[in-house]
Structures are given as C-alpha cells and as structure tokens.
Protein backbone atom coordinates (compact mmCIF):
# COMPACT_ATOMS: atom_id res chain seq x y z
CA UNK A 1 124.26 89.26 100.79
CA UNK A 2 123.41 85.71 100.29
CA UNK A 3 119.50 86.23 101.87
CA UNK A 4 119.24 89.24 100.08
CA UNK A 5 119.69 87.77 96.87
CA UNK A 6 117.46 84.67 97.84
CA UNK A 7 114.80 87.44 98.68
CA UNK A 8 114.93 89.22 95.51
CA UNK A 9 114.96 85.96 93.47
CA UNK A 10 111.80 85.31 95.53
CA UNK A 11 110.61 88.47 94.99
CA UNK A 12 110.81 88.52 91.20
CA UNK A 13 109.44 85.22 90.86
CA UNK A 14 106.20 86.30 93.36
CA UNK A 15 106.07 89.89 90.98
CA UNK A 16 105.63 88.30 88.05
CA UNK A 17 102.54 86.26 88.71
CA UNK A 18 101.05 89.15 90.25
CA UNK A 19 101.48 90.98 86.93
CA UNK A 20 99.90 88.66 84.70
CA UNK A 21 97.11 88.23 87.61
CA UNK A 22 95.95 91.80 86.46
CA UNK A 23 92.49 91.21 87.60
CA UNK A 24 93.14 90.46 90.94
CA UNK A 25 95.16 93.85 91.41
CA UNK A 26 91.98 95.88 89.93
CA UNK A 27 89.96 93.87 92.13
CA UNK A 28 92.13 94.66 95.70
CA UNK A 29 91.75 98.33 94.80
CA UNK A 30 87.95 98.39 93.57
CA UNK A 31 86.58 98.42 97.19
CA UNK A 32 88.62 101.29 98.84
CA UNK A 33 87.92 103.49 95.36
CA UNK A 34 83.80 102.48 95.91
CA UNK A 35 84.01 103.33 99.69
CA UNK A 36 85.85 106.60 98.58
CA UNK A 37 83.29 107.44 95.83
CA UNK A 38 80.14 106.22 97.47
CA UNK A 39 80.50 106.81 101.46
CA UNK A 40 83.22 109.53 101.65
CA UNK A 41 80.70 112.25 100.46
CA UNK A 42 78.51 111.36 103.35
CA UNK A 43 80.88 112.19 105.58
CA UNK A 44 80.29 115.79 104.82
CA UNK A 45 76.93 115.89 107.20
CA UNK A 46 79.01 114.81 109.90
CA UNK A 47 82.17 117.11 109.96
CA UNK A 48 81.76 119.28 112.48
CA UNK A 49 79.91 117.59 114.66
CA UNK A 50 80.61 117.31 118.28
CA UNK A 51 83.68 114.19 118.41
CA UNK A 52 84.15 114.31 115.04
CA UNK A 53 88.25 114.92 114.50
CA UNK A 54 89.22 119.05 113.07
CA UNK A 55 89.71 119.39 109.57
CA UNK A 56 88.11 118.28 106.24
CA UNK A 57 86.57 114.77 106.09
CA UNK A 58 88.93 113.26 103.13
CA UNK A 59 91.72 113.85 105.99
CA UNK A 60 89.70 111.23 108.62
CA UNK A 61 88.04 109.12 105.69
CA UNK A 62 91.25 108.69 103.32
CA UNK A 63 93.82 107.59 105.97
CA UNK A 64 91.12 104.88 107.08
CA UNK A 65 90.52 103.85 103.55
CA UNK A 66 94.20 103.23 103.41
CA UNK A 67 94.20 101.25 106.43
CA UNK A 68 91.75 98.96 105.01
CA UNK A 69 93.48 98.49 102.13
CA UNK A 70 96.26 97.25 104.07
CA UNK A 71 94.72 94.73 106.19
CA UNK A 72 92.21 93.27 103.39
CA UNK A 73 94.84 93.15 100.67
CA UNK A 74 97.47 91.34 103.10
CA UNK A 75 94.84 89.11 104.72
CA UNK A 76 94.36 87.11 101.70
CA UNK A 77 97.33 86.59 99.75
CA UNK A 78 97.84 83.20 101.85
CA UNK A 79 95.04 81.72 99.43
CA UNK A 80 97.58 81.93 97.21
CA UNK A 81 99.95 80.08 98.55
CA UNK A 82 97.65 77.45 99.55
CA UNK A 83 97.28 77.01 96.01
CA UNK A 84 101.09 76.59 95.50
CA UNK A 85 101.60 74.24 98.06
CA UNK A 86 98.99 71.74 96.39
CA UNK A 87 100.99 72.04 93.48
CA UNK A 88 104.36 71.04 95.09
CA UNK A 89 105.67 74.63 94.31
CA UNK A 90 106.48 75.30 97.85
CA UNK A 91 107.52 72.04 98.66
CA UNK A 92 110.15 72.18 95.97
CA UNK A 93 111.28 75.61 97.36
CA UNK A 94 111.93 74.23 100.56
CA UNK A 95 114.31 71.39 99.74
CA UNK A 96 116.63 73.86 98.42
CA UNK A 97 119.17 75.82 100.25
CA UNK A 98 117.85 79.12 100.47
CA UNK A 99 116.63 80.52 103.53
CA UNK A 100 113.31 80.04 105.04
CA UNK A 101 113.26 83.87 106.16
CA UNK A 102 113.91 84.62 102.32
CA UNK A 103 111.05 82.54 101.24
CA UNK A 104 108.76 84.61 103.10
CA UNK A 105 110.42 88.09 103.18
CA UNK A 106 110.42 87.93 99.08
CA UNK A 107 106.59 87.22 98.98
CA UNK A 108 105.84 90.08 102.04
CA UNK A 109 108.38 92.48 100.03
CA UNK A 110 106.08 91.56 96.46
CA UNK A 111 102.84 92.25 98.86
CA UNK A 112 104.14 95.29 100.18
CA UNK A 113 104.97 96.90 96.84
CA UNK A 114 101.86 95.94 95.58
CA UNK A 115 100.05 97.70 98.20
CA UNK A 116 102.01 100.96 97.72
CA UNK A 117 101.31 101.34 94.35
CA UNK A 118 97.35 100.83 95.31
CA UNK A 119 97.46 103.06 98.03
CA UNK A 120 99.12 105.95 95.76
CA UNK A 121 95.90 105.65 93.27
CA UNK A 122 93.75 105.78 96.07
CA UNK A 123 95.38 108.91 97.14
CA UNK A 124 95.27 110.53 94.05
CA UNK A 125 91.54 110.07 93.64
CA UNK A 126 91.28 111.33 97.10
CA UNK A 127 93.00 114.52 95.81
CA UNK A 128 90.82 114.43 93.15
CA UNK A 129 87.33 114.31 95.35
CA UNK A 130 88.82 117.33 97.45
CA UNK A 131 91.52 115.85 99.83
CA UNK A 132 94.33 118.27 100.85
CA UNK A 133 97.20 117.06 102.99
CA UNK A 134 100.79 117.23 103.02
CA UNK A 135 102.62 115.45 101.30
CA UNK A 136 105.59 114.63 103.51
CA UNK A 137 102.92 113.20 105.74
CA UNK A 138 101.15 111.65 102.59
CA UNK A 139 104.46 109.74 101.99
CA UNK A 140 104.90 108.55 105.69
CA UNK A 141 101.65 107.38 106.14
CA UNK A 142 102.02 104.95 102.84
CA UNK A 143 104.82 103.65 104.65
CA UNK A 144 102.95 102.92 107.51
CA UNK A 145 100.59 101.56 105.75
CA UNK A 146 103.25 99.26 103.70
CA UNK A 147 104.86 98.13 106.70
CA UNK A 148 100.88 96.80 108.21
CA UNK A 149 100.52 95.23 105.34
CA UNK A 150 103.31 93.25 105.69
CA UNK A 151 102.93 92.04 109.24
CA UNK A 152 99.34 90.87 107.77
CA UNK A 153 100.98 89.58 104.53
CA UNK A 154 103.39 87.33 106.74
CA UNK A 155 100.53 86.28 109.38
CA UNK A 156 98.02 85.36 106.36
CA UNK A 157 101.05 83.09 104.82
CA UNK A 158 101.50 80.95 108.11
CA UNK A 159 97.87 80.60 108.20
CA UNK A 160 97.61 79.42 104.96
CA UNK A 161 100.61 76.91 105.90
CA UNK A 162 98.73 75.75 109.01
CA UNK A 163 95.36 75.71 107.69
CA UNK A 164 96.04 73.89 103.85
CA UNK A 165 92.57 74.63 103.03
CA UNK A 166 90.44 77.57 101.28
CA UNK A 167 87.90 77.09 103.55
CA UNK A 168 89.53 77.26 106.94
CA UNK A 169 92.02 79.91 106.02
CA UNK A 170 88.32 81.78 105.40
CA UNK A 171 87.01 81.30 108.43
CA UNK A 172 90.03 82.59 110.31
CA UNK A 173 91.05 85.69 108.12
CA UNK A 174 86.81 87.31 108.52
CA UNK A 175 86.84 86.10 112.04
CA UNK A 176 90.02 88.23 112.56
CA UNK A 177 89.07 91.59 110.01
CA UNK A 178 85.53 92.24 111.00
CA UNK A 179 86.51 92.60 114.65
CA UNK A 180 89.54 94.56 113.49
CA UNK A 181 87.68 96.70 111.02
CA UNK A 182 84.64 97.25 113.50
CA UNK A 183 87.16 98.55 116.19
CA UNK A 184 89.75 100.35 114.10
CA UNK A 185 87.68 103.49 113.35
CA UNK A 186 88.43 103.00 109.65
CA UNK A 187 85.05 104.13 108.50
CA UNK A 188 83.94 106.50 111.56
CA UNK A 189 86.55 108.12 113.85
CA UNK A 190 86.02 106.16 117.45
CA UNK A 191 85.75 109.47 118.91
CA UNK A 192 82.20 109.43 118.09
CA UNK A 193 81.85 106.22 119.61
CA UNK A 194 80.44 105.87 123.67
CA UNK A 195 83.01 105.88 126.61
CA UNK A 196 82.95 101.60 126.51
CA UNK A 197 83.52 101.36 123.05
CA UNK A 198 86.63 103.51 122.65
CA UNK A 199 87.87 101.20 126.06
CA UNK A 200 87.09 98.52 123.88
CA UNK A 201 88.78 99.78 120.57
CA UNK A 202 92.10 100.56 122.47
CA UNK A 203 92.95 97.37 122.60
CA UNK A 204 92.77 97.12 118.84
CA UNK A 205 96.84 97.50 117.26
CA UNK A 206 94.81 98.51 114.01
CA UNK A 207 92.84 101.31 115.82
CA UNK A 208 96.88 102.84 116.88
CA UNK A 209 97.76 102.55 113.40
CA UNK A 210 94.29 104.38 112.18
CA UNK A 211 94.76 107.62 114.39
CA UNK A 212 98.82 107.76 113.21
CA UNK A 213 97.88 107.79 109.82
CA UNK A 214 95.20 110.63 110.64
CA UNK A 215 97.91 112.83 112.24
CA UNK A 216 100.41 112.31 109.48
CA UNK A 217 97.69 113.29 107.46
CA UNK A 218 96.91 116.85 109.16
CA UNK A 219 100.64 117.45 109.01
CA UNK A 220 101.63 116.26 112.36
CA UNK A 221 104.78 114.34 112.31
CA UNK A 222 106.35 114.32 115.46
CA UNK A 223 103.68 113.78 118.33
CA UNK A 224 102.79 111.09 120.15
CA UNK A 225 100.09 109.41 118.22
CA UNK A 226 102.44 109.02 115.42
CA UNK A 227 105.02 107.30 117.74
CA UNK A 228 102.59 105.24 118.97
CA UNK A 229 101.57 104.15 115.55
CA UNK A 230 105.16 103.64 114.48
CA UNK A 231 106.04 101.56 117.55
CA UNK A 232 102.80 99.75 116.79
CA UNK A 233 103.67 98.67 113.33
CA UNK A 234 106.88 97.47 114.18
CA UNK A 235 105.63 95.44 116.63
CA UNK A 236 103.50 93.87 113.98
CA UNK A 237 106.05 93.30 111.55
CA UNK A 238 108.44 91.59 114.12
CA UNK A 239 105.54 89.06 115.23
CA UNK A 240 104.36 88.90 111.60
CA UNK A 241 107.96 88.06 110.59
CA UNK A 242 108.24 85.64 113.46
CA UNK A 243 104.99 83.54 113.11
CA UNK A 244 105.61 83.35 109.51
CA UNK A 245 108.94 82.06 109.73
CA UNK A 246 108.50 79.65 111.97
CA UNK A 247 105.65 78.22 110.44
CA UNK A 248 108.02 77.56 107.00
CA UNK A 249 110.43 76.60 109.38
CA UNK A 250 108.16 73.78 111.25
CA UNK A 251 106.40 72.61 108.32
CA UNK A 252 109.58 71.68 106.25
CA UNK A 253 110.96 69.83 109.52
C-alpha cells in the first residue's frame, strides 16, 4: 500500500507538470499526425502488391505510427529528468524514504497515460481518413503501445541519470531510435524487404510489436503473432523497469 501511495504522489506531480506544458504534448502528437496525412495516402499505391499484407493500407500504416509514437514519445522523456537533476529536485526526492521504484513508476505511469491519450487521438484521426478496424483489437493494441512506451520511458530515465547531460543523451537516444525505426517495419512492412533484411529485422524486438499491432487491427487476437508481441512487450517492461530502478538506487548510494 505504501508503494502505491508513493507511486500515486509522484504520478500526480508529474502529470501536473505535463499539463502545464501543453505545447510539449501537442508537438509529440504532430509528427505522427503529419505522417498520417502526408505519407498514409501514398500507401494506397502499394496496397495489393506482392508482399504487402492483406487488408486496408490504413490497417498496416496506423499500427506502425502508434509504435513510432510509443518509441519516440518515451525515449526523450529523460530530458525532463536531467533538468530536475540539475535543479536538485531528484536529490531532494531521494533523501526521502520513498521507494526508488515508486520514484520511477510514478513518472512511467504518467508517460503511459499521456501515450494512451495521444494514441486515441491518432486512431480517431485514422478512422476519419478511412481506417476500419475492430474496436476490441484496437483497444488491445493501445494497451500494448502503452506497455512498450513504459519500457522505453524507464530506460530513458535511466540513461538520463547515467549521462547527466542533454548532449550525451541525445547522441545515445538517436543512435538507438534510428535502427529501431528502420528495422521494425513501422512505415512499410518488412514483408516487402529482401530476405537478408527480413532476417536482420527479426532481431529487433520492436518489429514483433508492430506485427502484433497489425494483427490486432485485423481482428486477430488469439494467434501466435499477438502472443509473441505480448511476450516481447512484457520482457521490455521488466528489463526497462529493472534498469531504471537499479540506476535510481545506484545514483543515490
């Protein structure tokens, strides 16, 4: 119960800070909306080509944008933590008896809630563009996006504490984000790629999340692709939270 109370207090504080900075929330949503409006219509030209998944092109493109939102929306949350470290906020929190996991979980919970809201806005816009997908599968997809976003947010906070500067963190996050983006099939499915590139992409855990979301948008809930995506998402959360919590504990020692 104490852990839940501490997590809630950290979450409320973090959410208040986010609501005060509405520009950041809007900017985080603008990029996928621009992709939806400017890149999505181009996929109609490749819809039905050999290797392109069956179904509407929006059922292929929208899940990829959701994962992109989850990754990029979460990988950069650590920049805010660096500012708090510089201002002494984190140090004051760590001298309290509050659980180090709660200090991390409250922030990650805030990031997951923001990501869910942004995802719902993006999906609503996609429906306006012509997306047709079962609501049940879409809701499960949003939960999976929140899971992967939580994992990357926890890792981002850990990297922020380890680097301590925006320049160093930017270099690390960009080096990680670019290959994850290119090898995940976010914009175009990897079924269109040559065999060697598909083999390399299978190493990328994000690729399996994207495949799971596309299956959910087609109404396939109980199948192997979704199961693998759920397992990968769960593993990412465990690793991210462990890495983040250990970093909070070590830096406060």
